[in-house]
C-alpha atoms as a PDB file:
ATOM      1  CA  MET A   1     108.256  78.393  56.761  1.00  0.00           C
ATOM      2  CA  LYS A   2     107.855  77.283  60.334  1.00  0.00           C
ATOM      3  CA  LEU A   3     110.229  79.035  62.722  1.00  0.00           C
ATOM      4  CA  SER A   4     112.678  76.897  64.657  1.00  0.00           C
ATOM      5  CA  ARG A   5     113.039  77.287  68.378  1.00  0.00           C
ATOM      6  CA  SER A   6     116.370  79.161  67.931  1.00  0.00           C
ATOM      7  CA  GLN A   7     114.739  81.540  65.378  1.00  0.00           C
ATOM      8  CA  MET A   8     111.857  82.269  67.680  1.00  0.00           C
ATOM      9  CA  LYS A   9     114.251  82.835  70.613  1.00  0.00           C
ATOM     10  CA  ALA A  10     116.384  85.227  68.543  1.00  0.00           C
ATOM     11  CA  LYS A  11     113.298  87.203  67.472  1.00  0.00           C
ATOM     12  CA  LEU A  12     112.051  87.428  71.062  1.00  0.00           C
ATOM     13  CA  GLU A  13     115.466  88.405  72.470  1.00  0.00           C
ATOM     14  CA  THR A  14     115.773  91.154  69.842  1.00  0.00           C
ATOM     15  CA  ALA A  15     112.302  92.492  70.766  1.00  0.00           C
ATOM     16  CA  ALA A  16     113.167  92.422  74.515  1.00  0.00           C
ATOM     17  CA  GLN A  17     116.412  94.292  73.928  1.00  0.00           C
ATOM     18  CA  GLU A  18     114.574  96.953  71.926  1.00  0.00           C
ATOM     19  CA  LEU A  19     112.064  97.435  74.647  1.00  0.00           C
ATOM     20  CA  ILE A  20     114.751  97.618  77.303  1.00  0.00           C
ATOM     21  CA  GLU A  21     116.454 100.303  75.297  1.00  0.00           C
ATOM     22  CA  THR A  22     113.143 102.183  74.937  1.00  0.00           C
ATOM     23  CA  LEU A  23     112.658 102.074  78.729  1.00  0.00           C
ATOM     24  CA  LEU A  24     116.191 103.234  79.400  1.00  0.00           C
ATOM     25  CA  GLU A  25     115.839 106.120  76.966  1.00  0.00           C
ATOM     26  CA  TRP A  26     112.522 107.077  78.486  1.00  0.00           C
ATOM     27  CA  SER A  27     114.096 106.952  81.942  1.00  0.00           C
ATOM     28  CA  GLU A  28     116.923 109.213  80.862  1.00  0.00           C
ATOM     29  CA  THR A  29     114.619 111.845  79.376  1.00  0.00           C
ATOM     30  CA  ASN A  30     112.035 111.783  82.186  1.00  0.00           C
ATOM     31  CA  THR A  31     113.770 113.079  85.328  1.00  0.00           C
ATOM     32  CA  ALA A  32     111.852 112.543  88.550  1.00  0.00           C
ATOM     33  CA  PRO A  33     108.787 110.767  87.091  1.00  0.00           C
ATOM     34  CA  SER A  34     106.000 109.829  89.436  1.00  0.00           C
ATOM     35  CA  LEU A  35     105.266 106.198  90.208  1.00  0.00           C
ATOM     36  CA  ARG A  36     102.217 106.464  88.033  1.00  0.00           C
ATOM     37  CA  GLU A  37     104.220 107.713  85.088  1.00  0.00           C
ATOM     38  CA  ILE A  38     106.686 104.858  85.492  1.00  0.00           C
ATOM     39  CA  GLU A  39     103.866 102.332  85.691  1.00  0.00           C
ATOM     40  CA  ASP A  40     102.190 103.842  82.623  1.00  0.00           C
ATOM     41  CA  GLU A  41     105.371 103.470  80.588  1.00  0.00           C
ATOM     42  CA  VAL A  42     106.049  99.920  81.834  1.00  0.00           C
ATOM     43  CA  LEU A  43     102.485  98.873  81.079  1.00  0.00           C
ATOM     44  CA  VAL A  44     102.775 100.129  77.486  1.00  0.00           C
ATOM     45  CA  LEU A  45     106.052  98.256  77.037  1.00  0.00           C
ATOM     46  CA  ARG A  46     104.643  95.123  78.666  1.00  0.00           C
ATOM     47  CA  GLN A  47     101.673  95.192  76.284  1.00  0.00           C
ATOM     48  CA  ARG A  48     104.010  95.600  73.258  1.00  0.00           C
ATOM     49  CA  PHE A  49     106.156  92.660  74.377  1.00  0.00           C
ATOM     50  CA  GLY A  50     103.044  90.528  75.000  1.00  0.00           C
ATOM     51  CA  GLN A  51     102.017  91.239  71.475  1.00  0.00           C
ATOM     52  CA  VAL A  52     105.440  90.221  70.121  1.00  0.00           C
ATOM     53  CA  LEU A  53     105.360  87.017  72.162  1.00  0.00           C
ATOM     54  CA  ALA A  54     101.924  86.032  70.884  1.00  0.00           C
ATOM     55  CA  ALA A  55     102.608  86.971  67.223  1.00  0.00           C
ATOM     56  CA  THR A  56     105.918  85.078  67.272  1.00  0.00           C
ATOM     57  CA  VAL A  57     104.268  81.975  68.595  1.00  0.00           C
ATOM     58  CA  VAL A  58     101.356  82.209  66.125  1.00  0.00           C
ATOM     59  CA  GLU A  59     103.712  82.760  63.142  1.00  0.00           C
ATOM     60  CA  GLY A  60     105.884  79.885  64.317  1.00  0.00           C
ATOM     61  CA  GLN A  61     102.953  77.474  64.242  1.00  0.00           C
ATOM     62  CA  GLU A  62     102.401  77.314  60.498  1.00  0.00           C
ATOM     63  CA  SER A  63     104.630  76.194  57.617  1.00  0.00           C
ATOM     64  CA  GLN A  64     104.675  78.097  54.334  1.00  0.00           C
ATOM     65  CA  GLN A  65     101.868  76.015  52.892  1.00  0.00           C
ATOM     66  CA  PRO A  66     100.360  72.943  54.567  1.00  0.00           C
ATOM     67  CA  ALA A  67     100.803  69.611  52.723  1.00  0.00           C
ATOM     68  CA  LEU A  68      96.996  69.019  52.852  1.00  0.00           C
ATOM     69  CA  THR A  69      94.689  71.510  51.138  1.00  0.00           C
ATOM     70  CA  PRO A  70      92.446  73.049  53.779  1.00  0.00           C
ATOM     71  CA  CYS A  71      88.721  73.232  53.254  1.00  0.00           C
ATOM     72  CA  CYS A  72      86.492  76.291  53.398  1.00  0.00           C
ATOM     73  CA  PRO A  73      84.771  76.621  56.810  1.00  0.00           C
ATOM     74  CA  ASN A  74      81.665  78.062  55.025  1.00  0.00           C
ATOM     75  CA  CYS A  75      81.048  75.630  52.157  1.00  0.00           C
ATOM     76  CA  GLY A  76      83.538  72.765  52.559  1.00  0.00           C
ATOM     77  CA  GLU A  77      85.251  73.277  49.220  1.00  0.00           C
ATOM     78  CA  ALA A  78      89.026  73.079  48.832  1.00  0.00           C
ATOM     79  CA  LEU A  79      90.728  76.452  49.443  1.00  0.00           C
ATOM     80  CA  ARG A  80      93.390  77.939  47.123  1.00  0.00           C
ATOM     81  CA  TYR A  81      96.697  79.162  48.503  1.00  0.00           C
ATOM     82  CA  LYS A  82      97.127  82.933  47.882  1.00  0.00           C
ATOM     83  CA  GLY A  83     100.613  83.381  49.350  1.00  0.00           C
ATOM     84  CA  ARG A  84     101.710  85.084  52.506  1.00  0.00           C
ATOM     85  CA  LYS A  85     100.239  88.259  53.863  1.00  0.00           C
ATOM     86  CA  SER A  86     100.550  90.399  56.922  1.00  0.00           C
ATOM     87  CA  LYS A  87      97.436  90.848  58.921  1.00  0.00           C
ATOM     88  CA  LYS A  88      96.418  92.869  61.965  1.00  0.00           C
ATOM     89  CA  VAL A  89      94.480  90.847  64.434  1.00  0.00           C
ATOM     90  CA  GLU A  90      92.768  92.106  67.549  1.00  0.00           C
ATOM     91  CA  SER A  91      93.522  89.892  70.522  1.00  0.00           C
ATOM     92  CA  ARG A  92      93.258  90.151  74.297  1.00  0.00           C
ATOM     93  CA  LEU A  93      96.827  91.454  74.217  1.00  0.00           C
ATOM     94  CA  GLY A  94      95.927  94.181  71.759  1.00  0.00           C
ATOM     95  CA  GLU A  95      96.621  94.394  68.053  1.00  0.00           C
ATOM     96  CA  LEU A  96      98.975  91.671  66.694  1.00  0.00           C
ATOM     97  CA  HIS A  97     100.811  91.926  63.387  1.00  0.00           C
ATOM     98  CA  ILE A  98     101.023  88.443  61.941  1.00  0.00           C
ATOM     99  CA  ASP A  99     102.523  87.135  58.711  1.00  0.00           C
ATOM    100  CA  ARG A 100     100.636  84.040  57.692  1.00  0.00           C
ATOM    101  CA  GLY A 101      99.526  81.951  54.734  1.00  0.00           C
ATOM    102  CA  ARG A 102      96.324  83.178  53.073  1.00  0.00           C
ATOM    103  CA  TYR A 103      93.692  81.003  51.427  1.00  0.00           C
ATOM    104  CA  TRP A 104      90.488  81.795  49.554  1.00  0.00           C
ATOM    105  CA  CYS A 105      87.507  79.781  48.362  1.00  0.00           C
ATOM    106  CA  PRO A 106      86.681  80.180  44.664  1.00  0.00           C
ATOM    107  CA  CYS A 107      83.164  78.836  45.379  1.00  0.00           C
ATOM    108  CA  CYS A 108      81.881  81.259  48.023  1.00  0.00           C
ATOM    109  CA  GLU A 109      84.737  83.834  47.710  1.00  0.00           C
ATOM    110  CA  SER A 110      85.536  83.853  51.420  1.00  0.00           C
ATOM    111  CA  GLY A 111      89.089  84.047  52.682  1.00  0.00           C
ATOM    112  CA  VAL A 112      90.677  82.220  55.603  1.00  0.00           C
ATOM    113  CA  PHE A 113      93.646  83.453  57.533  1.00  0.00           C
ATOM    114  CA  PRO A 114      95.232  81.107  58.758  1.00  0.00           C
ATOM    115  CA  PRO A 115      93.721  77.917  57.429  1.00  0.00           C
ATOM    116  CA  ARG A 116      94.514  75.457  60.263  1.00  0.00           C
ATOM    117  CA  GLN A 117      93.181  77.713  62.978  1.00  0.00           C
ATOM    118  CA  ALA A 118      90.168  79.153  61.222  1.00  0.00           C
ATOM    119  CA  ALA A 119      88.411  79.696  64.540  1.00  0.00           C
ATOM    120  CA  TRP A 120      90.987  82.309  65.528  1.00  0.00           C
ATOM    121  CA  PHE A 121      89.915  84.635  62.750  1.00  0.00           C
ATOM    122  CA  GLU A 122      86.706  85.514  61.065  1.00  0.00           C
ATOM    123  CA  SER A 123      86.245  84.702  57.383  1.00  0.00           C
ATOM    124  CA  GLU A 124      86.277  87.714  55.116  1.00  0.00           C
ATOM    125  CA  LYS A 125      85.592  88.580  51.500  1.00  0.00           C
ATOM    126  CA  VAL A 126      88.668  88.458  49.233  1.00  0.00           C
ATOM    127  CA  GLU A 127      89.022  91.312  46.779  1.00  0.00           C
END
C-alpha cells in the first residue's frame, strides 16, 4: 500500500531520532575523539540516513499491486504478481533495503522488482 505523506514523515523522523541517539551514545563513549574520528562517525550515520530517505521514497511510490498488469521487459508478456518481498539494492547511497511488489513472467521466467520502474533494477531468474 502506498505510504501517505504523514506515514513517510513518521518513518523518517523515527530513523532520524535513532541516528541522533546513536551519535550521542558514540559521543559519550568516545572521550576526546579527533576531528577525523568525529567525521568518520558522522559520515557513516549520514550514509545510513541517506539510505533510509531513499528507501522510504521508493517504497512510498508503489501501491500493493498496480491496477494494470505490467508487462515483461524481456518478452512483453503479462507478468504475474508474486506478493511483496524485501530486496537489497545497491545504489549510489549504498545498500538499500526495499519492500516492494514482485512480479514474474511465466513465459521467460524472469522476475521484475518493481514493475513500474523496471529500469531501476535488473531482471533476474525467479526460483
